[in-house]
Amino acid sequence: MTFEVATLLHNPKCSKSRAAKALLDEKGFSYHERRYLDDPLTADELVELAKLLGRPAREWVRSGEASFGEAHLDLEAGDAPILAAMARHPILIERPILILPKRAIVGRPPERVLELLR
């Protein structure tokens, strides 16, 4: 599986995600919006996303979510158990994330998504 088109992992209930989406729209950037809570990423997609981000999963997991503790994880866990938990509980994925075919970035703060447009 590869991300062949620009994709924004979006949660419309999140203000940071809405802000990143608005920035992309303002710039006229074409992308596919994926509401990852409704359309979760597969385990393979999460492995690929980790590679595109170039960051360990512990740096883009929402460790404050109840499902993080329920999965018996801590931030010292390796990528495999964290990614597996993200596949089971997509709420654990930090948002927003802009994914391009060769690179991805977490939009925290939202303006970071613009870094991929340069």
PDB file of N, CA and C in Angstrom:
ATOM      1  N   MET A   1       0.838  -1.187   0.000  1.00  0.00           N
ATOM      2  CA  MET A   1       0.000   0.000   0.000  1.00  0.00           C
ATOM      3  C   MET A   1       0.871   1.235   0.000  1.00  0.00           C
ATOM      4  N   THR A   2       0.540   2.148  -0.844  1.00  0.00           N
ATOM      5  CA  THR A   2       1.239   3.427  -0.832  1.00  0.00           C
ATOM      6  C   THR A   2       0.221   4.552  -0.869  1.00  0.00           C
ATOM      7  N   PHE A   3       0.610   5.662  -0.346  1.00  0.00           N
ATOM      8  CA  PHE A   3      -0.227   6.849  -0.417  1.00  0.00           C
ATOM      9  C   PHE A   3       0.150   7.550  -1.716  1.00  0.00           C
ATOM     10  N   GLU A   4      -0.664   7.373  -2.749  1.00  0.00           N
ATOM     11  CA  GLU A   4      -0.333   7.869  -4.076  1.00  0.00           C
ATOM     12  C   GLU A   4      -0.805   9.291  -4.332  1.00  0.00           C
ATOM     13  N   VAL A   5      -1.734   9.777  -3.530  1.00  0.00           N
ATOM     14  CA  VAL A   5      -2.202  11.153  -3.664  1.00  0.00           C
ATOM     15  C   VAL A   5      -2.060  11.837  -2.308  1.00  0.00           C
ATOM     16  N   ALA A   6      -1.973  13.153  -2.334  1.00  0.00           N
ATOM     17  CA  ALA A   6      -1.909  13.909  -1.081  1.00  0.00           C
ATOM     18  C   ALA A   6      -3.151  13.588  -0.259  1.00  0.00           C
ATOM     19  N   THR A   7      -2.935  13.273   0.998  1.00  0.00           N
ATOM     20  CA  THR A   7      -4.020  12.870   1.889  1.00  0.00           C
ATOM     21  C   THR A   7      -3.887  13.611   3.211  1.00  0.00           C
ATOM     22  N   LEU A   8      -4.992  14.158   3.677  1.00  0.00           N
ATOM     23  CA  LEU A   8      -5.029  14.775   4.998  1.00  0.00           C
ATOM     24  C   LEU A   8      -5.799  13.855   5.923  1.00  0.00           C
ATOM     25  N   LEU A   9      -5.105  13.345   6.947  1.00  0.00           N
ATOM     26  CA  LEU A   9      -5.797  12.587   7.988  1.00  0.00           C
ATOM     27  C   LEU A   9      -6.471  13.620   8.876  1.00  0.00           C
ATOM     28  N   HIS A  10      -7.790  13.601   8.874  1.00  0.00           N
ATOM     29  CA  HIS A  10      -8.563  14.699   9.446  1.00  0.00           C
ATOM     30  C   HIS A  10      -9.606  14.209  10.436  1.00  0.00           C
ATOM     31  N   ASN A  11      -9.744  14.960  11.520  1.00  0.00           N
ATOM     32  CA  ASN A  11     -10.815  14.770  12.485  1.00  0.00           C
ATOM     33  C   ASN A  11     -11.528  16.114  12.589  1.00  0.00           C
ATOM     34  N   PRO A  12     -12.721  16.257  12.011  1.00  0.00           N
ATOM     35  CA  PRO A  12     -13.394  17.548  11.998  1.00  0.00           C
ATOM     36  C   PRO A  12     -13.759  18.074  13.386  1.00  0.00           C
ATOM     37  N   LYS A  13     -13.702  17.248  14.419  1.00  0.00           N
ATOM     38  CA  LYS A  13     -13.979  17.718  15.780  1.00  0.00           C
ATOM     39  C   LYS A  13     -12.767  18.374  16.419  1.00  0.00           C
ATOM     40  N   CYS A  14     -11.606  18.247  15.794  1.00  0.00           N
ATOM     41  CA  CYS A  14     -10.350  18.776  16.339  1.00  0.00           C
ATOM     42  C   CYS A  14     -10.060  20.158  15.746  1.00  0.00           C
ATOM     43  N   SER A  15      -9.857  21.144  16.594  1.00  0.00           N
ATOM     44  CA  SER A  15      -9.604  22.503  16.109  1.00  0.00           C
ATOM     45  C   SER A  15      -8.297  22.594  15.319  1.00  0.00           C
ATOM     46  N   LYS A  16      -7.276  21.868  15.724  1.00  0.00           N
ATOM     47  CA  LYS A  16      -5.994  21.893  14.995  1.00  0.00           C
ATOM     48  C   LYS A  16      -6.163  21.277  13.612  1.00  0.00           C
ATOM     49  N   SER A  17      -6.942  20.221  13.533  1.00  0.00           N
ATOM     50  CA  SER A  17      -7.194  19.564  12.256  1.00  0.00           C
ATOM     51  C   SER A  17      -7.997  20.491  11.336  1.00  0.00           C
ATOM     52  N   ARG A  18      -9.003  21.147  11.886  1.00  0.00           N
ATOM     53  CA  ARG A  18      -9.792  22.101  11.085  1.00  0.00           C
ATOM     54  C   ARG A  18      -8.922  23.250  10.603  1.00  0.00           C
ATOM     55  N   ALA A  19      -8.017  23.716  11.448  1.00  0.00           N
ATOM     56  CA  ALA A  19      -7.133  24.821  11.069  1.00  0.00           C
ATOM     57  C   ALA A  19      -6.183  24.404   9.941  1.00  0.00           C
ATOM     58  N   ALA A  20      -5.635  23.209  10.015  1.00  0.00           N
ATOM     59  CA  ALA A  20      -4.745  22.724   8.950  1.00  0.00           C
ATOM     60  C   ALA A  20      -5.507  22.589   7.640  1.00  0.00           C
ATOM     61  N   LYS A  21      -6.718  22.057   7.703  1.00  0.00           N
ATOM     62  CA  LYS A  21      -7.560  21.918   6.510  1.00  0.00           C
ATOM     63  C   LYS A  21      -7.837  23.286   5.895  1.00  0.00           C
ATOM     64  N   ALA A  22      -8.153  24.266   6.736  1.00  0.00           N
ATOM     65  CA  ALA A  22      -8.424  25.620   6.243  1.00  0.00           C
ATOM     66  C   ALA A  22      -7.197  26.216   5.573  1.00  0.00           C
ATOM     67  N   LEU A  23      -6.014  25.994   6.127  1.00  0.00           N
ATOM     68  CA  LEU A  23      -4.780  26.495   5.512  1.00  0.00           C
ATOM     69  C   LEU A  23      -4.560  25.880   4.134  1.00  0.00           C
ATOM     70  N   LEU A  24      -4.749  24.572   4.028  1.00  0.00           N
ATOM     71  CA  LEU A  24      -4.579  23.893   2.741  1.00  0.00           C
ATOM     72  C   LEU A  24      -5.595  24.401   1.728  1.00  0.00           C
ATOM     73  N   ASP A  25      -6.837  24.584   2.165  1.00  0.00           N
ATOM     74  CA  ASP A  25      -7.881  25.086   1.271  1.00  0.00           C
ATOM     75  C   ASP A  25      -7.569  26.509   0.824  1.00  0.00           C
ATOM     76  N   GLU A  26      -7.095  27.325   1.744  1.00  0.00           N
ATOM     77  CA  GLU A  26      -6.743  28.715   1.431  1.00  0.00           C
ATOM     78  C   GLU A  26      -5.646  28.780   0.372  1.00  0.00           C
ATOM     79  N   LYS A  27      -4.708  27.840   0.430  1.00  0.00           N
ATOM     80  CA  LYS A  27      -3.605  27.795  -0.545  1.00  0.00           C
ATOM     81  C   LYS A  27      -4.034  27.138  -1.853  1.00  0.00           C
ATOM     82  N   GLY A  28      -5.248  26.587  -1.898  1.00  0.00           N
ATOM     83  CA  GLY A  28      -5.728  25.928  -3.101  1.00  0.00           C
ATOM     84  C   GLY A  28      -5.064  24.587  -3.352  1.00  0.00           C
ATOM     85  N   PHE A  29      -4.540  23.970  -2.278  1.00  0.00           N
ATOM     86  CA  PHE A  29      -3.841  22.697  -2.396  1.00  0.00           C
ATOM     87  C   PHE A  29      -4.853  21.576  -2.551  1.00  0.00           C
ATOM     88  N   SER A  30      -4.645  20.713  -3.517  1.00  0.00           N
ATOM     89  CA  SER A  30      -5.544  19.593  -3.787  1.00  0.00           C
ATOM     90  C   SER A  30      -5.117  18.379  -2.963  1.00  0.00           C
ATOM     91  N   TYR A  31      -6.061  17.806  -2.233  1.00  0.00           N
ATOM     92  CA  TYR A  31      -5.766  16.656  -1.387  1.00  0.00           C
ATOM     93  C   TYR A  31      -7.039  15.850  -1.179  1.00  0.00           C
ATOM     94  N   HIS A  32      -6.838  14.611  -0.753  1.00  0.00           N
ATOM     95  CA  HIS A  32      -7.941  13.734  -0.365  1.00  0.00           C
ATOM     96  C   HIS A  32      -8.087  13.853   1.147  1.00  0.00           C
ATOM     97  N   GLU A  33      -9.284  14.121   1.612  1.00  0.00           N
ATOM     98  CA  GLU A  33      -9.540  14.182   3.052  1.00  0.00           C
ATOM     99  C   GLU A  33      -9.947  12.793   3.528  1.00  0.00           C
ATOM    100  N   ARG A  34      -9.214  12.276   4.489  1.00  0.00           N
ATOM    101  CA  ARG A  34      -9.544  10.968   5.049  1.00  0.00           C
ATOM    102  C   ARG A  34      -9.874  11.138   6.522  1.00  0.00           C
ATOM    103  N   ARG A  35     -11.119  10.926   6.839  1.00  0.00           N
ATOM    104  CA  ARG A  35     -11.562  10.996   8.229  1.00  0.00           C
ATOM    105  C   ARG A  35     -11.225   9.657   8.866  1.00  0.00           C
ATOM    106  N   TYR A  36     -10.043   9.622   9.437  1.00  0.00           N
ATOM    107  CA  TYR A  36      -9.443   8.353   9.852  1.00  0.00           C
ATOM    108  C   TYR A  36     -10.189   7.661  10.994  1.00  0.00           C
ATOM    109  N   LEU A  37     -11.056   8.375  11.707  1.00  0.00           N
ATOM    110  CA  LEU A  37     -11.849   7.701  12.736  1.00  0.00           C
ATOM    111  C   LEU A  37     -12.972   6.890  12.094  1.00  0.00           C
ATOM    112  N   ASP A  38     -13.467   7.376  10.952  1.00  0.00           N
ATOM    113  CA  ASP A  38     -14.514   6.666  10.208  1.00  0.00           C
ATOM    114  C   ASP A  38     -13.937   5.662   9.219  1.00  0.00           C
ATOM    115  N   ASP A  39     -12.737   5.945   8.725  1.00  0.00           N
ATOM    116  CA  ASP A  39     -12.053   5.121   7.728  1.00  0.00           C
ATOM    117  C   ASP A  39     -10.636   4.854   8.247  1.00  0.00           C
ATOM    118  N   PRO A  40     -10.502   3.967   9.231  1.00  0.00           N
ATOM    119  CA  PRO A  40      -9.209   3.758   9.894  1.00  0.00           C
ATOM    120  C   PRO A  40      -8.115   3.261   8.952  1.00  0.00           C
ATOM    121  N   LEU A  41      -6.889   3.614   9.286  1.00  0.00           N
ATOM    122  CA  LEU A  41      -5.742   3.126   8.543  1.00  0.00           C
ATOM    123  C   LEU A  41      -5.511   1.661   8.894  1.00  0.00           C
ATOM    124  N   THR A  42      -5.068   0.920   7.911  1.00  0.00           N
ATOM    125  CA  THR A  42      -4.720  -0.481   8.147  1.00  0.00           C
ATOM    126  C   THR A  42      -3.357  -0.541   8.836  1.00  0.00           C
ATOM    127  N   ALA A  43      -3.031  -1.707   9.336  1.00  0.00           N
ATOM    128  CA  ALA A  43      -1.718  -1.893   9.951  1.00  0.00           C
ATOM    129  C   ALA A  43      -0.612  -1.596   8.941  1.00  0.00           C
ATOM    130  N   ASP A  44      -0.773  -2.039   7.699  1.00  0.00           N
ATOM    131  CA  ASP A  44       0.238  -1.775   6.665  1.00  0.00           C
ATOM    132  C   ASP A  44       0.358  -0.289   6.367  1.00  0.00           C
ATOM    133  N   GLU A  45      -0.771   0.408   6.325  1.00  0.00           N
ATOM    134  CA  GLU A  45      -0.732   1.857   6.087  1.00  0.00           C
ATOM    135  C   GLU A  45      -0.020   2.581   7.225  1.00  0.00           C
ATOM    136  N   LEU A  46      -0.235   2.128   8.444  1.00  0.00           N
ATOM    137  CA  LEU A  46       0.437   2.754   9.582  1.00  0.00           C
ATOM    138  C   LEU A  46       1.946   2.533   9.534  1.00  0.00           C
ATOM    139  N   VAL A  47       2.370   1.359   9.120  1.00  0.00           N
ATOM    140  CA  VAL A  47       3.807   1.094   8.974  1.00  0.00           C
ATOM    141  C   VAL A  47       4.391   2.029   7.915  1.00  0.00           C
ATOM    142  N   GLU A  48       3.685   2.172   6.799  1.00  0.00           N
ATOM    143  CA  GLU A  48       4.155   3.075   5.760  1.00  0.00           C
ATOM    144  C   GLU A  48       4.167   4.521   6.247  1.00  0.00           C
ATOM    145  N   LEU A  49       3.123   4.911   6.971  1.00  0.00           N
ATOM    146  CA  LEU A  49       3.059   6.273   7.492  1.00  0.00           C
ATOM    147  C   LEU A  49       4.237   6.552   8.412  1.00  0.00           C
ATOM    148  N   ALA A  50       4.593   5.598   9.251  1.00  0.00           N
ATOM    149  CA  ALA A  50       5.752   5.775  10.135  1.00  0.00           C
ATOM    150  C   ALA A  50       7.010   6.054   9.323  1.00  0.00           C
ATOM    151  N   LYS A  51       7.180   5.335   8.220  1.00  0.00           N
ATOM    152  CA  LYS A  51       8.346   5.556   7.358  1.00  0.00           C
ATOM    153  C   LYS A  51       8.310   6.945   6.735  1.00  0.00           C
ATOM    154  N   LEU A  52       7.136   7.359   6.260  1.00  0.00           N
ATOM    155  CA  LEU A  52       7.013   8.672   5.629  1.00  0.00           C
ATOM    156  C   LEU A  52       7.232   9.809   6.625  1.00  0.00           C
ATOM    157  N   LEU A  53       6.810   9.602   7.868  1.00  0.00           N
ATOM    158  CA  LEU A  53       7.030  10.614   8.893  1.00  0.00           C
ATOM    159  C   LEU A  53       8.489  10.649   9.339  1.00  0.00           C
ATOM    160  N   GLY A  54       9.156   9.497   9.273  1.00  0.00           N
ATOM    161  CA  GLY A  54      10.551   9.431   9.714  1.00  0.00           C
ATOM    162  C   GLY A  54      10.697   9.654  11.209  1.00  0.00           C
ATOM    163  N   ARG A  55       9.655   9.297  11.952  1.00  0.00           N
ATOM    164  CA  ARG A  55       9.652   9.488  13.400  1.00  0.00           C
ATOM    165  C   ARG A  55       9.107   8.227  14.054  1.00  0.00           C
ATOM    166  N   PRO A  56       9.614   7.885  15.243  1.00  0.00           N
ATOM    167  CA  PRO A  56       9.070   6.720  15.932  1.00  0.00           C
ATOM    168  C   PRO A  56       7.604   6.966  16.311  1.00  0.00           C
ATOM    169  N   ALA A  57       6.852   5.891  16.393  1.00  0.00           N
ATOM    170  CA  ALA A  57       5.418   5.996  16.679  1.00  0.00           C
ATOM    171  C   ALA A  57       5.153   6.702  18.008  1.00  0.00           C
ATOM    172  N   ARG A  58       6.041   6.567  18.974  1.00  0.00           N
ATOM    173  CA  ARG A  58       5.812   7.216  20.273  1.00  0.00           C
ATOM    174  C   ARG A  58       5.744   8.740  20.158  1.00  0.00           C
ATOM    175  N   GLU A  59       6.287   9.289  19.051  1.00  0.00           N
ATOM    176  CA  GLU A  59       6.273  10.742  18.863  1.00  0.00           C
ATOM    177  C   GLU A  59       4.988  11.240  18.219  1.00  0.00           C
ATOM    178  N   TRP A  60       4.144  10.348  17.714  1.00  0.00           N
ATOM    179  CA  TRP A  60       2.885  10.789  17.108  1.00  0.00           C
ATOM    180  C   TRP A  60       1.688   9.952  17.544  1.00  0.00           C
ATOM    181  N   VAL A  61       1.825   9.376  18.736  1.00  0.00           N
ATOM    182  CA  VAL A  61       0.692   8.687  19.352  1.00  0.00           C
ATOM    183  C   VAL A  61       0.099   9.628  20.404  1.00  0.00           C
ATOM    184  N   ARG A  62      -1.194   9.587  20.543  1.00  0.00           N
ATOM    185  CA  ARG A  62      -1.891  10.391  21.548  1.00  0.00           C
ATOM    186  C   ARG A  62      -1.926   9.582  22.845  1.00  0.00           C
ATOM    187  N   SER A  63      -0.850   9.702  23.605  1.00  0.00           N
ATOM    188  CA  SER A  63      -0.674   8.881  24.802  1.00  0.00           C
ATOM    189  C   SER A  63      -1.624   9.263  25.938  1.00  0.00           C
ATOM    190  N   GLY A  64      -2.273  10.399  25.837  1.00  0.00           N
ATOM    191  CA  GLY A  64      -3.208  10.814  26.871  1.00  0.00           C
ATOM    192  C   GLY A  64      -4.598  10.204  26.729  1.00  0.00           C
ATOM    193  N   GLU A  65      -4.836   9.520  25.624  1.00  0.00           N
ATOM    194  CA  GLU A  65      -6.138   8.879  25.404  1.00  0.00           C
ATOM    195  C   GLU A  65      -6.276   7.643  26.295  1.00  0.00           C
ATOM    196  N   ALA A  66      -7.493   7.410  26.757  1.00  0.00           N
ATOM    197  CA  ALA A  66      -7.754   6.261  27.626  1.00  0.00           C
ATOM    198  C   ALA A  66      -7.341   4.951  26.965  1.00  0.00           C
ATOM    199  N   SER A  67      -7.544   4.829  25.661  1.00  0.00           N
ATOM    200  CA  SER A  67      -7.225   3.572  24.979  1.00  0.00           C
ATOM    201  C   SER A  67      -5.720   3.295  24.956  1.00  0.00           C
ATOM    202  N   PHE A  68      -4.890   4.316  25.159  1.00  0.00           N
ATOM    203  CA  PHE A  68      -3.446   4.100  25.245  1.00  0.00           C
ATOM    204  C   PHE A  68      -3.144   3.271  26.495  1.00  0.00           C
ATOM    205  N   GLY A  69      -3.688   3.673  27.624  1.00  0.00           N
ATOM    206  CA  GLY A  69      -3.495   2.927  28.860  1.00  0.00           C
ATOM    207  C   GLY A  69      -4.174   1.576  28.830  1.00  0.00           C
ATOM    208  N   GLU A  70      -5.359   1.526  28.215  1.00  0.00           N
ATOM    209  CA  GLU A  70      -6.085   0.260  28.118  1.00  0.00           C
ATOM    210  C   GLU A  70      -5.320  -0.768  27.291  1.00  0.00           C
ATOM    211  N   ALA A  71      -4.466  -0.282  26.376  1.00  0.00           N
ATOM    212  CA  ALA A  71      -3.645  -1.188  25.565  1.00  0.00           C
ATOM    213  C   ALA A  71      -2.373  -1.598  26.305  1.00  0.00           C
ATOM    214  N   HIS A  72      -2.241  -1.148  27.564  1.00  0.00           N
ATOM    215  CA  HIS A  72      -1.079  -1.472  28.409  1.00  0.00           C
ATOM    216  C   HIS A  72       0.222  -1.013  27.769  1.00  0.00           C
ATOM    217  N   LEU A  73       0.182   0.202  27.196  1.00  0.00           N
ATOM    218  CA  LEU A  73       1.361   0.762  26.542  1.00  0.00           C
ATOM    219  C   LEU A  73       1.995   1.834  27.414  1.00  0.00           C
ATOM    220  N   ASP A  74       3.264   2.082  27.156  1.00  0.00           N
ATOM    221  CA  ASP A  74       3.921   3.275  27.661  1.00  0.00           C
ATOM    222  C   ASP A  74       4.785   3.795  26.523  1.00  0.00           C
ATOM    223  N   LEU A  75       5.354   4.969  26.686  1.00  0.00           N
ATOM    224  CA  LEU A  75       6.110   5.583  25.592  1.00  0.00           C
ATOM    225  C   LEU A  75       7.437   4.881  25.320  1.00  0.00           C
ATOM    226  N   GLU A  76       7.798   3.927  26.146  1.00  0.00           N
ATOM    227  CA  GLU A  76       9.011   3.139  25.895  1.00  0.00           C
ATOM    228  C   GLU A  76       8.724   1.932  25.016  1.00  0.00           C
ATOM    229  N   ALA A  77       7.460   1.669  24.746  1.00  0.00           N
ATOM    230  CA  ALA A  77       7.099   0.546  23.870  1.00  0.00           C
ATOM    231  C   ALA A  77       7.671   0.809  22.481  1.00  0.00           C
ATOM    232  N   GLY A  78       7.994  -0.213  21.781  1.00  0.00           N
ATOM    233  CA  GLY A  78       8.511  -0.060  20.424  1.00  0.00           C
ATOM    234  C   GLY A  78       7.406   0.296  19.446  1.00  0.00           C
ATOM    235  N   ASP A  79       7.802   0.518  18.201  1.00  0.00           N
ATOM    236  CA  ASP A  79       6.832   0.891  17.169  1.00  0.00           C
ATOM    237  C   ASP A  79       5.760  -0.165  16.968  1.00  0.00           C
ATOM    238  N   ALA A  80       6.132  -1.430  16.933  1.00  0.00           N
ATOM    239  CA  ALA A  80       5.165  -2.486  16.607  1.00  0.00           C
ATOM    240  C   ALA A  80       3.947  -2.480  17.534  1.00  0.00           C
ATOM    241  N   PRO A  81       4.124  -2.473  18.856  1.00  0.00           N
ATOM    242  CA  PRO A  81       2.926  -2.476  19.701  1.00  0.00           C
ATOM    243  C   PRO A  81       2.131  -1.174  19.633  1.00  0.00           C
ATOM    244  N   ILE A  82       2.814  -0.056  19.455  1.00  0.00           N
ATOM    245  CA  ILE A  82       2.098   1.225  19.358  1.00  0.00           C
ATOM    246  C   ILE A  82       1.314   1.281  18.057  1.00  0.00           C
ATOM    247  N   LEU A  83       1.921   0.878  16.944  1.00  0.00           N
ATOM    248  CA  LEU A  83       1.215   0.880  15.666  1.00  0.00           C
ATOM    249  C   LEU A  83       0.040  -0.093  15.688  1.00  0.00           C
ATOM    250  N   ALA A  84       0.215  -1.240  16.336  1.00  0.00           N
ATOM    251  CA  ALA A  84      -0.888  -2.200  16.447  1.00  0.00           C
ATOM    252  C   ALA A  84      -2.046  -1.590  17.235  1.00  0.00           C
ATOM    253  N   ALA A  85      -1.728  -0.864  18.303  1.00  0.00           N
ATOM    254  CA  ALA A  85      -2.771  -0.201  19.089  1.00  0.00           C
ATOM    255  C   ALA A  85      -3.454   0.888  18.264  1.00  0.00           C
ATOM    256  N   MET A  86      -2.687   1.618  17.458  1.00  0.00           N
ATOM    257  CA  MET A  86      -3.275   2.648  16.586  1.00  0.00           C
ATOM    258  C   MET A  86      -4.236   2.015  15.573  1.00  0.00           C
ATOM    259  N   ALA A  87      -3.886   0.849  15.082  1.00  0.00           N
ATOM    260  CA  ALA A  87      -4.759   0.163  14.122  1.00  0.00           C
ATOM    261  C   ALA A  87      -6.077  -0.233  14.789  1.00  0.00           C
ATOM    262  N   ARG A  88      -6.008  -0.669  16.039  1.00  0.00           N
ATOM    263  CA  ARG A  88      -7.216  -1.061  16.777  1.00  0.00           C
ATOM    264  C   ARG A  88      -8.003   0.149  17.292  1.00  0.00           C
ATOM    265  N   HIS A  89      -7.286   1.224  17.620  1.00  0.00           N
ATOM    266  CA  HIS A  89      -7.893   2.413  18.228  1.00  0.00           C
ATOM    267  C   HIS A  89      -7.389   3.655  17.481  1.00  0.00           C
ATOM    268  N   PRO A  90      -7.987   4.008  16.347  1.00  0.00           N
ATOM    269  CA  PRO A  90      -7.473   5.120  15.543  1.00  0.00           C
ATOM    270  C   PRO A  90      -7.457   6.464  16.270  1.00  0.00           C
ATOM    271  N   ILE A  91      -8.190   6.595  17.367  1.00  0.00           N
ATOM    272  CA  ILE A  91      -8.160   7.832  18.142  1.00  0.00           C
ATOM    273  C   ILE A  91      -6.744   8.113  18.657  1.00  0.00           C
ATOM    274  N   LEU A  92      -5.909   7.078  18.700  1.00  0.00           N
ATOM    275  CA  LEU A  92      -4.540   7.236  19.184  1.00  0.00           C
ATOM    276  C   LEU A  92      -3.624   7.951  18.189  1.00  0.00           C
ATOM    277  N   ILE A  93      -4.052   8.093  16.955  1.00  0.00           N
ATOM    278  CA  ILE A  93      -3.221   8.740  15.940  1.00  0.00           C
ATOM    279  C   ILE A  93      -3.305  10.251  16.108  1.00  0.00           C
ATOM    280  N   GLU A  94      -2.156  10.887  16.224  1.00  0.00           N
ATOM    281  CA  GLU A  94      -2.116  12.352  16.308  1.00  0.00           C
ATOM    282  C   GLU A  94      -2.713  12.929  15.040  1.00  0.00           C
ATOM    283  N   ARG A  95      -3.317  14.079  15.153  1.00  0.00           N
ATOM    284  CA  ARG A  95      -3.891  14.723  13.979  1.00  0.00           C
ATOM    285  C   ARG A  95      -3.640  16.209  14.053  1.00  0.00           C
ATOM    286  N   PRO A  96      -3.693  16.825  12.918  1.00  0.00           N
ATOM    287  CA  PRO A  96      -3.811  16.276  11.572  1.00  0.00           C
ATOM    288  C   PRO A  96      -2.456  15.787  11.076  1.00  0.00           C
ATOM    289  N   ILE A  97      -2.495  14.947  10.054  1.00  0.00           N
ATOM    290  CA  ILE A  97      -1.266  14.520   9.376  1.00  0.00           C
ATOM    291  C   ILE A  97      -1.498  14.700   7.887  1.00  0.00           C
ATOM    292  N   LEU A  98      -0.582  15.416   7.244  1.00  0.00           N
ATOM    293  CA  LEU A  98      -0.615  15.557   5.789  1.00  0.00           C
ATOM    294  C   LEU A  98       0.369  14.557   5.214  1.00  0.00           C
ATOM    295  N   ILE A  99      -0.120  13.740   4.295  1.00  0.00           N
ATOM    296  CA  ILE A  99       0.699  12.683   3.693  1.00  0.00           C
ATOM    297  C   ILE A  99       0.848  12.965   2.202  1.00  0.00           C
ATOM    298  N   LEU A 100       2.081  13.009   1.756  1.00  0.00           N
ATOM    299  CA  LEU A 100       2.387  13.077   0.327  1.00  0.00           C
ATOM    300  C   LEU A 100       3.017  11.746  -0.060  1.00  0.00           C
ATOM    301  N   PRO A 101       3.158  11.461  -1.345  1.00  0.00           N
ATOM    302  CA  PRO A 101       3.697  10.150  -1.730  1.00  0.00           C
ATOM    303  C   PRO A 101       5.078   9.809  -1.145  1.00  0.00           C
ATOM    304  N   LYS A 102       5.902  10.816  -0.835  1.00  0.00           N
ATOM    305  CA  LYS A 102       7.251  10.505  -0.355  1.00  0.00           C
ATOM    306  C   LYS A 102       7.561  11.076   1.023  1.00  0.00           C
ATOM    307  N   ARG A 103       6.604  11.771   1.627  1.00  0.00           N
ATOM    308  CA  ARG A 103       6.865  12.401   2.920  1.00  0.00           C
ATOM    309  C   ARG A 103       5.538  12.713   3.607  1.00  0.00           C
ATOM    310  N   ALA A 104       5.581  12.790   4.924  1.00  0.00           N
ATOM    311  CA  ALA A 104       4.394  13.155   5.700  1.00  0.00           C
ATOM    312  C   ALA A 104       4.828  14.037   6.865  1.00  0.00           C
ATOM    313  N   ILE A 105       3.858  14.773   7.405  1.00  0.00           N
ATOM    314  CA  ILE A 105       4.162  15.652   8.530  1.00  0.00           C
ATOM    315  C   ILE A 105       2.938  15.760   9.430  1.00  0.00           C
ATOM    316  N   VAL A 106       3.204  15.803  10.733  1.00  0.00           N
ATOM    317  CA  VAL A 106       2.144  16.037  11.713  1.00  0.00           C
ATOM    318  C   VAL A 106       1.905  17.541  11.775  1.00  0.00           C
ATOM    319  N   GLY A 107       0.674  17.951  11.637  1.00  0.00           N
ATOM    320  CA  GLY A 107       0.315  19.365  11.636  1.00  0.00           C
ATOM    321  C   GLY A 107       0.111  19.928  13.026  1.00  0.00           C
ATOM    322  N   ARG A 108       1.122  19.882  13.833  1.00  0.00           N
ATOM    323  CA  ARG A 108       1.116  20.465  15.172  1.00  0.00           C
ATOM    324  C   ARG A 108       2.329  21.361  15.301  1.00  0.00           C
ATOM    325  N   PRO A 109       2.201  22.649  15.231  1.00  0.00           N
ATOM    326  CA  PRO A 109       0.985  23.424  14.993  1.00  0.00           C
ATOM    327  C   PRO A 109       0.498  23.252  13.548  1.00  0.00           C
ATOM    328  N   PRO A 110      -0.741  23.649  13.283  1.00  0.00           N
ATOM    329  CA  PRO A 110      -1.327  23.420  11.958  1.00  0.00           C
ATOM    330  C   PRO A 110      -0.496  23.969  10.796  1.00  0.00           C
ATOM    331  N   GLU A 111       0.220  25.048  11.013  1.00  0.00           N
ATOM    332  CA  GLU A 111       1.032  25.657   9.952  1.00  0.00           C
ATOM    333  C   GLU A 111       2.122  24.729   9.430  1.00  0.00           C
ATOM    334  N   ARG A 112       2.466  23.710  10.192  1.00  0.00           N
ATOM    335  CA  ARG A 112       3.506  22.772   9.749  1.00  0.00           C
ATOM    336  C   ARG A 112       3.129  22.074   8.451  1.00  0.00           C
ATOM    337  N   VAL A 113       1.817  21.908   8.171  1.00  0.00           N
ATOM    338  CA  VAL A 113       1.437  21.232   6.933  1.00  0.00           C
ATOM    339  C   VAL A 113       1.944  21.994   5.722  1.00  0.00           C
ATOM    340  N   LEU A 114       2.100  23.313   5.862  1.00  0.00           N
ATOM    341  CA  LEU A 114       2.577  24.122   4.745  1.00  0.00           C
ATOM    342  C   LEU A 114       4.029  23.821   4.385  1.00  0.00           C
ATOM    343  N   GLU A 115       4.786  23.242   5.322  1.00  0.00           N
ATOM    344  CA  GLU A 115       6.179  22.888   5.060  1.00  0.00           C
ATOM    345  C   GLU A 115       6.279  21.904   3.898  1.00  0.00           C
ATOM    346  N   LEU A 116       5.294  21.042   3.732  1.00  0.00           N
ATOM    347  CA  LEU A 116       5.338  20.063   2.652  1.00  0.00           C
ATOM    348  C   LEU A 116       4.961  20.679   1.311  1.00  0.00           C
ATOM    349  N   LEU A 117       4.429  21.868   1.307  1.00  0.00           N
ATOM    350  CA  LEU A 117       4.021  22.494   0.054  1.00  0.00           C
ATOM    351  C   LEU A 117       5.151  23.270  -0.599  1.00  0.00           C
ATOM    352  N   ARG A 118       6.235  23.446   0.113  1.00  0.00           N
ATOM    353  CA  ARG A 118       7.367  24.229  -0.413  1.00  0.00           C
ATOM    354  C   ARG A 118       8.177  23.432  -1.402  1.00  0.00           C
TER     355      ARG A 118
END
